[in-house]
Amino acid sequence: AVNEQFASALESLPHRPPFRFLDRIDALSDESARGA
């Protein structure tokens, strides 16, 4: 479920490869996020 939430969050961006520079989201809250 967390993996699906993070994947959905990435898809909320208007960016797509090759201009999306996020490969993953590791943590996500209303105030912060970590990714790579």
PDB file of all heavy atoms in Angstrom:
ATOM      1  N   ALA A   1       0.829  -1.207   0.000  1.00  0.00           N
ATOM      2  CA  ALA A   1       0.000   0.000   0.000  1.00  0.00           C
ATOM      3  C   ALA A   1       0.864   1.258   0.000  1.00  0.00           C
ATOM      4  O   ALA A   1       0.557   2.236  -0.684  1.00  0.00           O
ATOM      5  CB  ALA A   1      -0.939   0.004   1.206  1.00  0.00           C
ATOM      6  N   VAL A   2       1.956   1.243   0.767  1.00  0.00           N
ATOM      7  CA  VAL A   2       2.862   2.399   0.804  1.00  0.00           C
ATOM      8  C   VAL A   2       3.538   2.564  -0.550  1.00  0.00           C
ATOM      9  O   VAL A   2       3.636   3.673  -1.073  1.00  0.00           O
ATOM     10  CB  VAL A   2       3.901   2.254   1.941  1.00  0.00           C
ATOM     11  CG1 VAL A   2       4.976   3.314   1.840  1.00  0.00           C
ATOM     12  CG2 VAL A   2       3.203   2.325   3.292  1.00  0.00           C
ATOM     13  N   ASN A   3       3.988   1.468  -1.146  1.00  0.00           N
ATOM     14  CA  ASN A   3       4.599   1.536  -2.475  1.00  0.00           C
ATOM     15  C   ASN A   3       3.632   2.127  -3.497  1.00  0.00           C
ATOM     16  O   ASN A   3       4.022   2.921  -4.334  1.00  0.00           O
ATOM     17  CB  ASN A   3       5.063   0.154  -2.934  1.00  0.00           C
ATOM     18  CG  ASN A   3       6.328  -0.295  -2.237  1.00  0.00           C
ATOM     19  OD1 ASN A   3       7.120   0.532  -1.773  1.00  0.00           O
ATOM     20  ND2 ASN A   3       6.525  -1.594  -2.149  1.00  0.00           N
ATOM     21  N   GLU A   4       2.363   1.730  -3.431  1.00  0.00           N
ATOM     22  CA  GLU A   4       1.353   2.266  -4.345  1.00  0.00           C
ATOM     23  C   GLU A   4       1.137   3.748  -4.096  1.00  0.00           C
ATOM     24  O   GLU A   4       0.975   4.521  -5.042  1.00  0.00           O
ATOM     25  CB  GLU A   4       0.035   1.503  -4.197  1.00  0.00           C
ATOM     26  CG  GLU A   4       0.079   0.127  -4.814  1.00  0.00           C
ATOM     27  CD  GLU A   4      -1.239  -0.615  -4.662  1.00  0.00           C
ATOM     28  OE1 GLU A   4      -2.294   0.041  -4.585  1.00  0.00           O
ATOM     29  OE2 GLU A   4      -1.198  -1.851  -4.633  1.00  0.00           O
ATOM     30  N   GLN A   5       1.133   4.178  -2.826  1.00  0.00           N
ATOM     31  CA  GLN A   5       0.974   5.596  -2.492  1.00  0.00           C
ATOM     32  C   GLN A   5       2.124   6.406  -3.087  1.00  0.00           C
ATOM     33  O   GLN A   5       1.916   7.457  -3.680  1.00  0.00           O
ATOM     34  CB  GLN A   5       0.933   5.796  -0.975  1.00  0.00           C
ATOM     35  CG  GLN A   5       0.908   7.255  -0.574  1.00  0.00           C
ATOM     36  CD  GLN A   5       1.212   7.472   0.890  1.00  0.00           C
ATOM     37  OE1 GLN A   5       1.708   6.595   1.583  1.00  0.00           O
ATOM     38  NE2 GLN A   5       0.941   8.668   1.361  1.00  0.00           N
ATOM     39  N   PHE A   6       3.354   5.910  -2.952  1.00  0.00           N
ATOM     40  CA  PHE A   6       4.512   6.625  -3.470  1.00  0.00           C
ATOM     41  C   PHE A   6       4.495   6.655  -5.000  1.00  0.00           C
ATOM     42  O   PHE A   6       4.831   7.662  -5.618  1.00  0.00           O
ATOM     43  CB  PHE A   6       5.809   6.016  -2.960  1.00  0.00           C
ATOM     44  CG  PHE A   6       6.031   6.206  -1.474  1.00  0.00           C
ATOM     45  CD1 PHE A   6       7.011   5.480  -0.829  1.00  0.00           C
ATOM     46  CD2 PHE A   6       5.277   7.091  -0.716  1.00  0.00           C
ATOM     47  CE1 PHE A   6       7.246   5.647   0.533  1.00  0.00           C
ATOM     48  CE2 PHE A   6       5.490   7.264   0.644  1.00  0.00           C
ATOM     49  CZ  PHE A   6       6.477   6.541   1.274  1.00  0.00           C
ATOM     50  N   ALA A   7       4.117   5.546  -5.623  1.00  0.00           N
ATOM     51  CA  ALA A   7       4.027   5.504  -7.083  1.00  0.00           C
ATOM     52  C   ALA A   7       2.965   6.486  -7.581  1.00  0.00           C
ATOM     53  O   ALA A   7       3.177   7.203  -8.563  1.00  0.00           O
ATOM     54  CB  ALA A   7       3.723   4.089  -7.559  1.00  0.00           C
ATOM     55  N   SER A   8       1.848   6.541  -6.892  1.00  0.00           N
ATOM     56  CA  SER A   8       0.789   7.485  -7.245  1.00  0.00           C
ATOM     57  C   SER A   8       1.266   8.925  -7.074  1.00  0.00           C
ATOM     58  O   SER A   8       0.942   9.798  -7.885  1.00  0.00           O
ATOM     59  CB  SER A   8      -0.443   7.225  -6.373  1.00  0.00           C
ATOM     60  OG  SER A   8      -1.434   8.182  -6.627  1.00  0.00           O
ATOM     61  N   ALA A   9       2.038   9.184  -6.025  1.00  0.00           N
ATOM     62  CA  ALA A   9       2.574  10.528  -5.791  1.00  0.00           C
ATOM     63  C   ALA A   9       3.507  10.937  -6.927  1.00  0.00           C
ATOM     64  O   ALA A   9       3.459  12.079  -7.402  1.00  0.00           O
ATOM     65  CB  ALA A   9       3.302  10.587  -4.451  1.00  0.00           C
ATOM     66  N   LEU A  10       4.345  10.021  -7.401  1.00  0.00           N
ATOM     67  CA  LEU A  10       5.220  10.325  -8.540  1.00  0.00           C
ATOM     68  C   LEU A  10       4.400  10.650  -9.787  1.00  0.00           C
ATOM     69  O   LEU A  10       4.737  11.552 -10.546  1.00  0.00           O
ATOM     70  CB  LEU A  10       6.146   9.149  -8.837  1.00  0.00           C
ATOM     71  CG  LEU A  10       7.422   9.042  -8.027  1.00  0.00           C
ATOM     72  CD1 LEU A  10       8.168   7.755  -8.370  1.00  0.00           C
ATOM     73  CD2 LEU A  10       8.313  10.247  -8.239  1.00  0.00           C
ATOM     74  N   GLU A  11       3.319   9.910  -9.974  1.00  0.00           N
ATOM     75  CA  GLU A  11       2.474  10.138 -11.147  1.00  0.00           C
ATOM     76  C   GLU A  11       1.715  11.457 -11.059  1.00  0.00           C
ATOM     77  O   GLU A  11       1.229  11.951 -12.075  1.00  0.00           O
ATOM     78  CB  GLU A  11       1.510   8.972 -11.348  1.00  0.00           C
ATOM     79  CG  GLU A  11       2.204   7.704 -11.809  1.00  0.00           C
ATOM     80  CD  GLU A  11       3.008   7.904 -13.089  1.00  0.00           C
ATOM     81  OE1 GLU A  11       2.474   8.475 -14.068  1.00  0.00           O
ATOM     82  OE2 GLU A  11       4.183   7.498 -13.107  1.00  0.00           O
ATOM     83  N   SER A  12       1.615  12.060  -9.872  1.00  0.00           N
ATOM     84  CA  SER A  12       0.939  13.352  -9.746  1.00  0.00           C
ATOM     85  C   SER A  12       1.754  14.473 -10.376  1.00  0.00           C
ATOM     86  O   SER A  12       1.221  15.546 -10.649  1.00  0.00           O
ATOM     87  CB  SER A  12       0.654  13.675  -8.269  1.00  0.00           C
ATOM     88  OG  SER A  12       1.836  14.070  -7.583  1.00  0.00           O
ATOM     89  N   LEU A  13       3.031  14.222 -10.608  1.00  0.00           N
ATOM     90  CA  LEU A  13       3.876  15.231 -11.256  1.00  0.00           C
ATOM     91  C   LEU A  13       3.535  15.343 -12.738  1.00  0.00           C
ATOM     92  O   LEU A  13       3.220  14.340 -13.379  1.00  0.00           O
ATOM     93  CB  LEU A  13       5.349  14.847 -11.126  1.00  0.00           C
ATOM     94  CG  LEU A  13       5.958  14.928  -9.740  1.00  0.00           C
ATOM     95  CD1 LEU A  13       7.355  14.311  -9.745  1.00  0.00           C
ATOM     96  CD2 LEU A  13       6.023  16.379  -9.279  1.00  0.00           C
ATOM     97  N   PRO A  14       3.647  16.544 -13.296  1.00  0.00           N
ATOM     98  CA  PRO A  14       3.430  16.673 -14.738  1.00  0.00           C
ATOM     99  C   PRO A  14       4.639  16.206 -15.542  1.00  0.00           C
ATOM    100  O   PRO A  14       4.546  16.039 -16.750  1.00  0.00           O
ATOM    101  CB  PRO A  14       3.206  18.179 -14.923  1.00  0.00           C
ATOM    102  CG  PRO A  14       3.989  18.805 -13.826  1.00  0.00           C
ATOM    103  CD  PRO A  14       3.862  17.843 -12.654  1.00  0.00           C
ATOM    104  N   HIS A  15       5.754  15.976 -14.882  1.00  0.00           N
ATOM    105  CA  HIS A  15       6.997  15.587 -15.547  1.00  0.00           C
ATOM    106  C   HIS A  15       7.000  14.097 -15.876  1.00  0.00           C
ATOM    107  O   HIS A  15       6.510  13.288 -15.103  1.00  0.00           O
ATOM    108  CB  HIS A  15       8.196  15.891 -14.656  1.00  0.00           C
ATOM    109  CG  HIS A  15       8.196  17.281 -14.131  1.00  0.00           C
ATOM    110  ND1 HIS A  15       7.489  17.642 -12.993  1.00  0.00           N
ATOM    111  CD2 HIS A  15       8.790  18.407 -14.567  1.00  0.00           C
ATOM    112  CE1 HIS A  15       7.661  18.926 -12.771  1.00  0.00           C
ATOM    113  NE2 HIS A  15       8.444  19.421 -13.707  1.00  0.00           N
ATOM    114  N   ARG A  16       7.606  13.780 -17.000  1.00  0.00           N
ATOM    115  CA  ARG A  16       7.792  12.396 -17.407  1.00  0.00           C
ATOM    116  C   ARG A  16       9.230  12.241 -17.876  1.00  0.00           C
ATOM    117  O   ARG A  16       9.874  13.214 -18.247  1.00  0.00           O
ATOM    118  CB  ARG A  16       6.829  12.018 -18.554  1.00  0.00           C
ATOM    119  CG  ARG A  16       5.353  12.066 -18.156  1.00  0.00           C
ATOM    120  CD  ARG A  16       5.024  10.997 -17.120  1.00  0.00           C
ATOM    121  NE  ARG A  16       3.661  11.036 -16.657  1.00  0.00           N
ATOM    122  CZ  ARG A  16       3.251  11.617 -15.533  1.00  0.00           C
ATOM    123  NH1 ARG A  16       4.086  12.253 -14.761  1.00  0.00           N
ATOM    124  NH2 ARG A  16       1.993  11.574 -15.161  1.00  0.00           N
ATOM    125  N   PRO A  17       9.731  11.017 -17.852  1.00  0.00           N
ATOM    126  CA  PRO A  17      11.081  10.812 -18.375  1.00  0.00           C
ATOM    127  C   PRO A  17      11.146  11.323 -19.826  1.00  0.00           C
ATOM    128  O   PRO A  17      10.156  11.194 -20.541  1.00  0.00           O
ATOM    129  CB  PRO A  17      11.260   9.298 -18.314  1.00  0.00           C
ATOM    130  CG  PRO A  17      10.316   8.856 -17.225  1.00  0.00           C
ATOM    131  CD  PRO A  17       9.134   9.792 -17.334  1.00  0.00           C
ATOM    132  N   PRO A  18      12.224  11.926 -20.201  1.00  0.00           N
ATOM    133  CA  PRO A  18      13.494  12.017 -19.491  1.00  0.00           C
ATOM    134  C   PRO A  18      13.621  13.227 -18.577  1.00  0.00           C
ATOM    135  O   PRO A  18      14.701  13.479 -18.047  1.00  0.00           O
ATOM    136  CB  PRO A  18      14.515  12.110 -20.629  1.00  0.00           C
ATOM    137  CG  PRO A  18      13.792  12.882 -21.686  1.00  0.00           C
ATOM    138  CD  PRO A  18      12.351  12.422 -21.589  1.00  0.00           C
ATOM    139  N   PHE A  19      12.537  13.987 -18.361  1.00  0.00           N
ATOM    140  CA  PHE A  19      12.660  15.174 -17.515  1.00  0.00           C
ATOM    141  C   PHE A  19      12.135  14.962 -16.100  1.00  0.00           C
ATOM    142  O   PHE A  19      12.084  15.884 -15.312  1.00  0.00           O
ATOM    143  CB  PHE A  19      11.996  16.392 -18.152  1.00  0.00           C
ATOM    144  CG  PHE A  19      12.523  17.685 -17.596  1.00  0.00           C
ATOM    145  CD1 PHE A  19      13.763  18.160 -17.984  1.00  0.00           C
ATOM    146  CD2 PHE A  19      11.788  18.400 -16.667  1.00  0.00           C
ATOM    147  CE1 PHE A  19      14.269  19.339 -17.456  1.00  0.00           C
ATOM    148  CE2 PHE A  19      12.286  19.580 -16.135  1.00  0.00           C
ATOM    149  CZ  PHE A  19      13.525  20.048 -16.527  1.00  0.00           C
ATOM    150  N   ARG A  20      11.761  13.772 -15.730  1.00  0.00           N
ATOM    151  CA  ARG A  20      11.439  13.506 -14.321  1.00  0.00           C
ATOM    152  C   ARG A  20      12.713  12.972 -13.684  1.00  0.00           C
ATOM    153  O   ARG A  20      13.245  11.951 -14.100  1.00  0.00           O
ATOM    154  CB  ARG A  20      10.304  12.512 -14.162  1.00  0.00           C
ATOM    155  CG  ARG A  20       9.997  12.315 -12.665  1.00  0.00           C
ATOM    156  CD  ARG A  20       8.707  11.625 -12.371  1.00  0.00           C
ATOM    157  NE  ARG A  20       8.673  10.302 -12.967  1.00  0.00           N
ATOM    158  CZ  ARG A  20       7.544   9.637 -13.178  1.00  0.00           C
ATOM    159  NH1 ARG A  20       6.383  10.150 -12.878  1.00  0.00           N
ATOM    160  NH2 ARG A  20       7.590   8.452 -13.710  1.00  0.00           N
ATOM    161  N   PHE A  21      13.188  13.668 -12.662  1.00  0.00           N
ATOM    162  CA  PHE A  21      14.453  13.334 -12.028  1.00  0.00           C
ATOM    163  C   PHE A  21      14.285  12.631 -10.690  1.00  0.00           C
ATOM    164  O   PHE A  21      15.237  12.524  -9.940  1.00  0.00           O
ATOM    165  CB  PHE A  21      15.323  14.581 -11.880  1.00  0.00           C
ATOM    166  CG  PHE A  21      15.609  15.230 -13.200  1.00  0.00           C
ATOM    167  CD1 PHE A  21      15.101  16.471 -13.499  1.00  0.00           C
ATOM    168  CD2 PHE A  21      16.348  14.568 -14.163  1.00  0.00           C
ATOM    169  CE1 PHE A  21      15.357  17.058 -14.726  1.00  0.00           C
ATOM    170  CE2 PHE A  21      16.611  15.144 -15.398  1.00  0.00           C
ATOM    171  CZ  PHE A  21      16.107  16.405 -15.675  1.00  0.00           C
ATOM    172  N   LEU A  22      13.098  12.164 -10.402  1.00  0.00           N
ATOM    173  CA  LEU A  22      12.857  11.365  -9.199  1.00  0.00           C
ATOM    174  C   LEU A  22      12.651   9.920  -9.614  1.00  0.00           C
ATOM    175  O   LEU A  22      11.799   9.629 -10.450  1.00  0.00           O
ATOM    176  CB  LEU A  22      11.602  11.833  -8.470  1.00  0.00           C
ATOM    177  CG  LEU A  22      11.690  13.128  -7.698  1.00  0.00           C
ATOM    178  CD1 LEU A  22      10.319  13.482  -7.122  1.00  0.00           C
ATOM    179  CD2 LEU A  22      12.709  13.041  -6.603  1.00  0.00           C
ATOM    180  N   ASP A  23      13.429   9.042  -9.035  1.00  0.00           N
ATOM    181  CA  ASP A  23      13.251   7.620  -9.315  1.00  0.00           C
ATOM    182  C   ASP A  23      12.431   6.928  -8.250  1.00  0.00           C
ATOM    183  O   ASP A  23      11.811   5.903  -8.506  1.00  0.00           O
ATOM    184  CB  ASP A  23      14.617   6.933  -9.437  1.00  0.00           C
ATOM    185  CG  ASP A  23      15.306   7.347 -10.709  1.00  0.00           C
ATOM    186  OD1 ASP A  23      14.754   7.087 -11.792  1.00  0.00           O
ATOM    187  OD2 ASP A  23      16.388   7.955 -10.622  1.00  0.00           O
ATOM    188  N   ARG A  24      12.456   7.497  -7.053  1.00  0.00           N
ATOM    189  CA  ARG A  24      11.658   6.877  -5.991  1.00  0.00           C
ATOM    190  C   ARG A  24      11.369   7.907  -4.903  1.00  0.00           C
ATOM    191  O   ARG A  24      12.067   8.904  -4.763  1.00  0.00           O
ATOM    192  CB  ARG A  24      12.358   5.664  -5.412  1.00  0.00           C
ATOM    193  CG  ARG A  24      13.594   5.980  -4.615  1.00  0.00           C
ATOM    194  CD  ARG A  24      14.183   4.726  -3.960  1.00  0.00           C
ATOM    195  NE  ARG A  24      15.119   5.117  -2.937  1.00  0.00           N
ATOM    196  CZ  ARG A  24      16.440   4.996  -3.040  1.00  0.00           C
ATOM    197  NH1 ARG A  24      16.977   4.483  -4.130  1.00  0.00           N
ATOM    198  NH2 ARG A  24      17.203   5.374  -2.050  1.00  0.00           N
ATOM    199  N   ILE A  25      10.329   7.620  -4.157  1.00  0.00           N
ATOM    200  CA  ILE A  25       9.991   8.378  -2.948  1.00  0.00           C
ATOM    201  C   ILE A  25      10.111   7.410  -1.792  1.00  0.00           C
ATOM    202  O   ILE A  25       9.557   6.313  -1.826  1.00  0.00           O
ATOM    203  CB  ILE A  25       8.571   8.968  -3.034  1.00  0.00           C
ATOM    204  CG1 ILE A  25       8.504   9.998  -4.175  1.00  0.00           C
ATOM    205  CG2 ILE A  25       8.177   9.608  -1.709  1.00  0.00           C
ATOM    206  CD1 ILE A  25       7.115  10.535  -4.432  1.00  0.00           C
ATOM    207  N   ASP A  26      10.863   7.806  -0.768  1.00  0.00           N
ATOM    208  CA  ASP A  26      11.104   6.941   0.382  1.00  0.00           C
ATOM    209  C   ASP A  26      10.237   7.309   1.587  1.00  0.00           C
ATOM    210  O   ASP A  26       9.982   6.466   2.439  1.00  0.00           O
ATOM    211  CB  ASP A  26      12.579   7.009   0.795  1.00  0.00           C
ATOM    212  CG  ASP A  26      13.490   6.556  -0.325  1.00  0.00           C
ATOM    213  OD1 ASP A  26      13.130   5.613  -1.056  1.00  0.00           O
ATOM    214  OD2 ASP A  26      14.574   7.150  -0.487  1.00  0.00           O
ATOM    215  N   ALA A  27       9.829   8.572   1.677  1.00  0.00           N
ATOM    216  CA  ALA A  27       8.979   9.033   2.777  1.00  0.00           C
ATOM    217  C   ALA A  27       8.194  10.236   2.278  1.00  0.00           C
ATOM    218  O   ALA A  27       8.711  11.037   1.488  1.00  0.00           O
ATOM    219  CB  ALA A  27       9.821   9.415   3.991  1.00  0.00           C
ATOM    220  N   LEU A  28       6.947  10.360   2.754  1.00  0.00           N
ATOM    221  CA  LEU A  28       6.086  11.437   2.288  1.00  0.00           C
ATOM    222  C   LEU A  28       5.090  11.799   3.378  1.00  0.00           C
ATOM    223  O   LEU A  28       4.409  10.923   3.920  1.00  0.00           O
ATOM    224  CB  LEU A  28       5.335  10.993   1.020  1.00  0.00           C
ATOM    225  CG  LEU A  28       4.362  11.966   0.388  1.00  0.00           C
ATOM    226  CD1 LEU A  28       5.067  13.250  -0.044  1.00  0.00           C
ATOM    227  CD2 LEU A  28       3.682  11.300  -0.811  1.00  0.00           C
ATOM    228  N   SER A  29       5.050  13.096   3.717  1.00  0.00           N
ATOM    229  CA  SER A  29       4.058  13.593   4.668  1.00  0.00           C
ATOM    230  C   SER A  29       3.509  14.903   4.115  1.00  0.00           C
ATOM    231  O   SER A  29       3.889  15.343   3.032  1.00  0.00           O
ATOM    232  CB  SER A  29       4.693  13.819   6.045  1.00  0.00           C
ATOM    233  OG  SER A  29       5.503  14.983   6.043  1.00  0.00           O
ATOM    234  N   ASP A  30       2.640  15.545   4.885  1.00  0.00           N
ATOM    235  CA  ASP A  30       2.084  16.829   4.453  1.00  0.00           C
ATOM    236  C   ASP A  30       3.108  17.955   4.497  1.00  0.00           C
ATOM    237  O   ASP A  30       2.875  19.020   3.932  1.00  0.00           O
ATOM    238  CB  ASP A  30       0.886  17.206   5.317  1.00  0.00           C
ATOM    239  CG  ASP A  30      -0.322  16.341   5.022  1.00  0.00           C
ATOM    240  OD1 ASP A  30      -0.361  15.707   3.945  1.00  0.00           O
ATOM    241  OD2 ASP A  30      -1.227  16.298   5.873  1.00  0.00           O
ATOM    242  N   GLU A  31       4.222  17.754   5.168  1.00  0.00           N
ATOM    243  CA  GLU A  31       5.216  18.818   5.346  1.00  0.00           C
ATOM    244  C   GLU A  31       6.589  18.501   4.764  1.00  0.00           C
ATOM    245  O   GLU A  31       7.425  19.397   4.659  1.00  0.00           O
ATOM    246  CB  GLU A  31       5.380  19.134   6.835  1.00  0.00           C
ATOM    247  CG  GLU A  31       4.096  19.572   7.514  1.00  0.00           C
ATOM    248  CD  GLU A  31       3.543  20.860   6.922  1.00  0.00           C
ATOM    249  OE1 GLU A  31       4.342  21.766   6.610  1.00  0.00           O
ATOM    250  OE2 GLU A  31       2.312  20.967   6.770  1.00  0.00           O
ATOM    251  N   SER A  32       6.853  17.246   4.413  1.00  0.00           N
ATOM    252  CA  SER A  32       8.200  16.899   3.964  1.00  0.00           C
ATOM    253  C   SER A  32       8.174  15.631   3.114  1.00  0.00           C
ATOM    254  O   SER A  32       7.164  14.930   3.050  1.00  0.00           O
ATOM    255  CB  SER A  32       9.124  16.698   5.165  1.00  0.00           C
ATOM    256  OG  SER A  32       8.697  15.598   5.938  1.00  0.00           O
ATOM    257  N   ALA A  33       9.320  15.370   2.499  1.00  0.00           N
ATOM    258  CA  ALA A  33       9.461  14.140   1.712  1.00  0.00           C
ATOM    259  C   ALA A  33      10.944  13.819   1.564  1.00  0.00           C
ATOM    260  O   ALA A  33      11.799  14.704   1.638  1.00  0.00           O
ATOM    261  CB  ALA A  33       8.818  14.288   0.343  1.00  0.00           C
ATOM    262  N   ARG A  34      11.203  12.533   1.361  1.00  0.00           N
ATOM    263  CA  ARG A  34      12.545  12.051   1.013  1.00  0.00           C
ATOM    264  C   ARG A  34      12.412  11.189  -0.223  1.00  0.00           C
ATOM    265  O   ARG A  34      11.444  10.444  -0.374  1.00  0.00           O
ATOM    266  CB  ARG A  34      13.140  11.216   2.148  1.00  0.00           C
ATOM    267  CG  ARG A  34      13.622  12.019   3.317  1.00  0.00           C
ATOM    268  CD  ARG A  34      14.461  11.189   4.300  1.00  0.00           C
ATOM    269  NE  ARG A  34      14.009   9.826   4.489  1.00  0.00           N
ATOM    270  CZ  ARG A  34      13.147   9.433   5.435  1.00  0.00           C
ATOM    271  NH1 ARG A  34      12.637  10.306   6.279  1.00  0.00           N
ATOM    272  NH2 ARG A  34      12.803   8.164   5.529  1.00  0.00           N
ATOM    273  N   GLY A  35      13.391  11.314  -1.086  1.00  0.00           N
ATOM    274  CA  GLY A  35      13.380  10.514  -2.300  1.00  0.00           C
ATOM    275  C   GLY A  35      14.770  10.438  -2.886  1.00  0.00           C
ATOM    276  O   GLY A  35      15.742  10.896  -2.280  1.00  0.00           O
ATOM    277  N   ALA A  36      14.865   9.874  -4.082  1.00  0.00           N
ATOM    278  CA  ALA A  36      16.175   9.698  -4.705  1.00  0.00           C
ATOM    279  C   ALA A  36      16.082   9.821  -6.217  1.00  0.00           C
ATOM    280  O   ALA A  36      15.076   9.458  -6.830  1.00  0.00           O
ATOM    281  CB  ALA A  36      16.751   8.337  -4.346  1.00  0.00           C
TER     282      ALA A  36
END
